[in-house]
Amino acid sequence: MTATVAQSSDQRGAFTVTRVAIVAVGAYVGAQVIADFTSVKIGNVAGRAVDMGTFVYPITFTLRDVVHKTLGRSAARTVIVTAAGVNVFMALYLRFVISVPSDPSYPFGDEFRQVLGPLWRIVVASIIAEVIAELIDTEAYHWFVTRVTRRFQWARVLVSNAISLPIDNAIFVVLAFGAIPFMADDSLTLPWPVVWDIFLVNLVVKGVVTLFSVPLIYLTPDRPPPVVDGDAYDSLA
């Protein structure tokens, strides 16, 4: 099922929004929010420290590739910024919710505050890492399909993710858990050896999850991008 979406008057033709594209956009934003929540917990997996959002977050890079493939580069950028905006709203709203006194009949006010109170640092770190890394992913994907080849769709996913994921991982782990200026005494600050351990384990886990997420790129047929003002790639690819 597709829906035709009109373009602006200075563009020719129209493009289609497929059901796969709609699902990919919703799943991308949802996965971003889930990753932010679950990253609050540092789990122990096979004896190594890992933030639990790591098992979900890498999927967003491949979902971004699906959005890019179906809707184009400009749409992918818009989805990245939109997801960041949703996370900002979530953090601000949680701060408001925490500030409201609990009703006497609600027994978990302190627990709610203790678990979700520090979430703002996770959200800020995630937003900064997400925007930088996924915009880089967008450009890497664009470069691959325009300058290398449109064949081997699995390769475009692996190449773009291999460039962007380590950048995302480094920014997020340092900002979320590192003893950076003004954050040394924060409740989420961890010793640097633990931060380094999280970085290494996260990178391995993200790489494995990326491999399993590659088939998502085949959910919709690949097709040449529509020509808009003589340039097929600048606005849509």
Protein backbone atom coordinates (compact mmCIF):
# COMPACT_ATOMS: atom_id res chain seq x y z
CA MET A 1 0.00 0.00 0.00
CA THR A 2 1.40 3.41 -0.99
CA ALA A 3 0.31 6.98 -0.69
CA THR A 4 1.29 9.73 -3.08
CA VAL A 5 2.80 12.78 -1.43
CA ALA A 6 2.90 16.06 -3.32
CA GLN A 7 6.20 17.95 -3.44
CA SER A 8 6.74 21.69 -3.36
CA SER A 9 5.98 23.77 -6.43
CA ASP A 10 9.66 24.11 -7.37
CA GLN A 11 9.98 20.33 -7.70
CA ARG A 12 8.68 18.03 -10.39
CA GLY A 13 6.63 14.90 -9.92
CA ALA A 14 5.80 13.10 -6.73
CA PHE A 15 7.16 10.31 -4.62
CA THR A 16 5.42 7.57 -2.72
CA VAL A 17 5.38 6.83 0.97
CA THR A 18 5.19 3.07 1.43
CA ARG A 19 3.86 1.20 4.42
CA VAL A 20 7.41 0.00 5.06
CA ALA A 21 8.61 3.60 5.23
CA ILE A 22 5.92 4.54 7.75
CA VAL A 23 6.75 1.52 9.91
CA ALA A 24 10.48 2.29 9.68
CA VAL A 25 9.98 5.88 10.84
CA GLY A 26 7.80 4.83 13.78
CA ALA A 27 10.15 2.00 14.74
CA TYR A 28 13.16 4.32 14.56
CA VAL A 29 11.69 6.90 16.93
CA GLY A 30 10.35 4.20 19.25
CA ALA A 31 13.68 2.40 19.41
CA GLN A 32 15.43 5.67 20.27
CA VAL A 33 13.11 6.22 23.25
CA ILE A 34 13.40 2.59 24.41
CA ALA A 35 17.19 2.77 24.22
CA ASP A 36 17.23 5.95 26.33
CA PHE A 37 15.12 4.37 29.07
CA THR A 38 16.98 1.08 29.20
CA SER A 39 20.43 2.70 29.09
CA VAL A 40 19.85 3.85 32.67
CA LYS A 41 20.60 0.30 33.81
CA ILE A 42 24.17 -0.97 33.63
CA GLY A 43 23.88 -4.71 33.37
CA ASN A 44 26.42 -7.48 33.73
CA VAL A 45 26.56 -9.62 30.60
CA ALA A 46 29.06 -12.46 30.57
CA GLY A 47 30.92 -10.74 33.38
CA ARG A 48 31.22 -7.40 31.54
CA ALA A 49 29.51 -4.06 32.21
CA VAL A 50 27.11 -2.97 29.48
CA ASP A 51 24.31 -0.41 29.36
CA MET A 52 21.16 -2.28 28.50
CA GLY A 53 20.07 0.11 25.77
CA THR A 54 22.90 -1.27 23.65
CA PHE A 55 20.82 -4.25 22.52
CA VAL A 56 18.21 -1.97 20.93
CA TYR A 57 19.98 1.19 19.84
CA PRO A 58 22.11 -0.22 16.96
CA ILE A 59 18.93 -1.22 15.15
CA THR A 60 18.14 2.48 14.70
CA PHE A 61 21.08 2.87 12.31
CA THR A 62 19.73 0.21 9.98
CA LEU A 63 16.20 1.60 10.35
CA ARG A 64 17.64 4.98 9.37
CA ASP A 65 19.07 3.30 6.28
CA VAL A 66 15.60 1.94 5.45
CA VAL A 67 14.12 5.42 5.81
CA HIS A 68 16.91 6.79 3.62
CA LYS A 69 16.29 4.11 1.01
CA THR A 70 12.52 4.60 0.87
CA LEU A 71 12.12 8.34 1.48
CA GLY A 72 15.50 9.89 0.72
CA ARG A 73 18.29 11.73 2.46
CA SER A 74 16.29 14.81 3.43
CA ALA A 75 13.62 12.64 5.07
CA ALA A 76 16.30 10.69 6.95
CA ARG A 77 17.72 13.93 8.33
CA THR A 78 14.23 15.04 9.36
CA VAL A 79 13.60 11.75 11.19
CA ILE A 80 16.90 12.09 13.07
CA VAL A 81 16.06 15.60 14.25
CA THR A 82 12.48 14.58 15.09
CA ALA A 83 13.66 11.69 17.25
CA ALA A 84 16.01 14.05 19.06
CA GLY A 85 13.10 16.41 19.69
CA VAL A 86 10.96 13.57 21.07
CA ASN A 87 13.74 12.63 23.48
CA VAL A 88 14.14 16.23 24.62
CA PHE A 89 10.41 16.46 25.30
CA MET A 90 10.53 13.15 27.17
CA ALA A 91 13.33 14.39 29.43
CA LEU A 92 11.60 17.70 30.17
CA TYR A 93 8.27 16.03 30.84
CA LEU A 94 9.85 13.50 33.17
CA ARG A 95 11.46 16.33 35.13
CA PHE A 96 8.02 17.93 35.46
CA VAL A 97 6.42 14.63 36.52
CA ILE A 98 9.10 14.07 39.15
CA SER A 99 8.58 17.58 40.51
CA VAL A 100 4.87 16.94 41.15
CA PRO A 101 4.26 15.57 44.69
CA SER A 102 3.02 11.99 44.72
CA ASP A 103 -0.50 11.29 45.88
CA PRO A 104 -0.53 9.64 49.33
CA SER A 105 -2.16 6.58 47.77
CA TYR A 106 0.80 6.10 45.37
CA PRO A 107 3.57 4.14 47.15
CA PHE A 108 6.32 4.37 44.51
CA GLY A 109 7.06 8.09 44.28
CA ASP A 110 10.60 7.80 45.62
CA GLU A 111 11.34 4.79 43.43
CA PHE A 112 10.05 6.61 40.37
CA ARG A 113 12.30 9.58 41.13
CA GLN A 114 15.35 7.43 41.85
CA VAL A 115 15.05 5.43 38.65
CA LEU A 116 13.99 8.13 36.19
CA GLY A 117 15.47 11.19 37.88
CA PRO A 118 18.96 10.78 36.37
CA LEU A 119 17.51 10.09 32.93
CA TRP A 120 18.22 13.64 31.73
CA ARG A 121 21.97 12.94 31.46
CA ILE A 122 21.31 9.77 29.47
CA VAL A 123 18.96 11.67 27.18
CA VAL A 124 21.39 14.55 26.62
CA ALA A 125 24.28 12.18 25.92
CA SER A 126 22.09 10.08 23.65
CA ILE A 127 20.76 13.07 21.71
CA ILE A 128 24.22 14.53 21.09
CA ALA A 129 25.64 11.14 20.08
CA GLU A 130 22.58 10.28 17.99
CA VAL A 131 22.45 13.50 16.01
CA ILE A 132 26.18 13.59 15.26
CA ALA A 133 26.60 9.88 14.50
CA GLU A 134 23.41 9.38 12.54
CA LEU A 135 23.98 12.44 10.39
CA ILE A 136 27.41 10.99 9.66
CA ASP A 137 25.69 7.68 8.90
CA THR A 138 23.41 9.53 6.48
CA GLU A 139 26.34 11.01 4.59
CA ALA A 140 28.24 7.70 4.57
CA TYR A 141 25.19 5.89 3.18
CA HIS A 142 24.66 8.65 0.59
CA TRP A 143 28.32 8.48 -0.43
CA PHE A 144 28.17 4.71 -0.85
CA VAL A 145 25.07 4.61 -3.04
CA THR A 146 26.12 7.60 -5.16
CA ARG A 147 29.89 7.13 -5.42
CA VAL A 148 30.53 3.43 -4.92
CA THR A 149 27.60 1.26 -6.00
CA ARG A 150 23.88 0.76 -5.58
CA ARG A 151 24.48 -3.00 -5.65
CA PHE A 152 25.19 -5.05 -2.54
CA GLN A 153 22.66 -3.43 -0.24
CA TRP A 154 24.12 -5.28 2.74
CA ALA A 155 27.42 -3.51 2.08
CA ARG A 156 25.91 -0.02 2.25
CA VAL A 157 24.48 -0.85 5.68
CA LEU A 158 27.68 -2.35 7.04
CA VAL A 159 29.92 0.42 5.69
CA SER A 160 27.79 3.30 6.93
CA ASN A 161 27.26 1.66 10.33
CA ALA A 162 30.95 0.79 10.67
CA ILE A 163 31.77 4.48 10.30
CA SER A 164 29.04 5.92 12.52
CA LEU A 165 28.65 3.40 15.35
CA PRO A 166 32.12 3.83 16.91
CA ILE A 167 31.62 7.61 16.87
CA ASP A 168 28.22 7.27 18.49
CA ASN A 169 29.56 4.84 21.06
CA ALA A 170 32.46 7.05 22.11
CA ILE A 171 30.37 10.22 22.44
CA PHE A 172 27.56 8.52 24.34
CA VAL A 173 29.66 6.55 26.81
CA VAL A 174 31.88 9.50 27.75
CA LEU A 175 29.02 11.98 28.13
CA ALA A 176 26.67 9.56 29.91
CA PHE A 177 29.07 7.91 32.33
CA GLY A 178 32.46 9.64 32.22
CA ALA A 179 33.86 11.90 34.94
CA ILE A 180 33.77 14.94 32.67
CA PRO A 181 33.93 18.51 34.06
CA PHE A 182 31.03 19.36 36.37
CA MET A 183 29.88 15.72 36.34
CA ALA A 184 32.45 14.02 38.58
CA ASP A 185 29.97 13.67 41.45
CA ASP A 186 26.91 12.84 39.36
CA SER A 187 25.06 9.66 40.31
CA LEU A 188 25.66 8.16 36.86
CA THR A 189 29.39 8.88 36.80
CA LEU A 190 31.43 5.68 36.76
CA PRO A 191 35.17 4.99 37.17
CA TRP A 192 37.05 5.36 33.88
CA PRO A 193 38.00 1.63 33.75
CA VAL A 194 34.28 0.81 33.89
CA VAL A 195 33.55 3.45 31.22
CA TRP A 196 36.21 1.90 29.00
CA ASP A 197 34.76 -1.54 29.64
CA ILE A 198 31.29 -0.28 28.69
CA PHE A 199 32.72 1.24 25.51
CA LEU A 200 34.40 -1.99 24.41
CA VAL A 201 31.48 -4.24 25.25
CA ASN A 202 28.97 -1.81 23.72
CA LEU A 203 30.99 -1.68 20.52
CA VAL A 204 31.06 -5.47 20.23
CA VAL A 205 27.35 -5.81 21.02
CA LYS A 206 26.44 -3.04 18.58
CA GLY A 207 28.47 -4.74 15.87
CA VAL A 208 26.69 -8.06 16.44
CA VAL A 209 23.24 -6.42 16.54
CA THR A 210 24.08 -4.56 13.33
CA LEU A 211 24.85 -7.84 11.57
CA PHE A 212 21.49 -9.25 12.62
CA SER A 213 19.71 -6.07 11.53
CA VAL A 214 21.11 -6.06 7.98
CA PRO A 215 18.12 -8.02 6.50
CA LEU A 216 15.89 -5.04 7.36
CA ILE A 217 17.30 -3.19 4.35
CA TYR A 218 15.63 -5.78 2.10
CA LEU A 219 12.13 -5.09 3.42
CA THR A 220 11.47 -2.89 0.41
CA PRO A 221 12.75 -3.16 -3.17
CA ASP A 222 15.61 -0.93 -4.16
CA ARG A 223 14.78 1.52 -6.89
CA PRO A 224 16.38 4.45 -8.67
CA PRO A 225 15.52 7.73 -6.95
CA PRO A 226 13.12 10.07 -8.75
CA VAL A 227 14.68 12.96 -10.62
CA VAL A 228 13.99 16.32 -9.01
CA ASP A 229 15.21 19.42 -10.86
CA GLY A 230 17.76 17.31 -12.65
CA ASP A 231 19.37 16.01 -9.47
CA ALA A 232 18.23 12.60 -8.27
CA TYR A 233 20.29 12.47 -5.13
CA ASP A 234 20.75 15.80 -3.39
CA SER A 235 17.26 16.03 -1.92
CA LEU A 236 15.92 12.51 -2.05
CA ALA A 237 18.72 9.95 -2.16
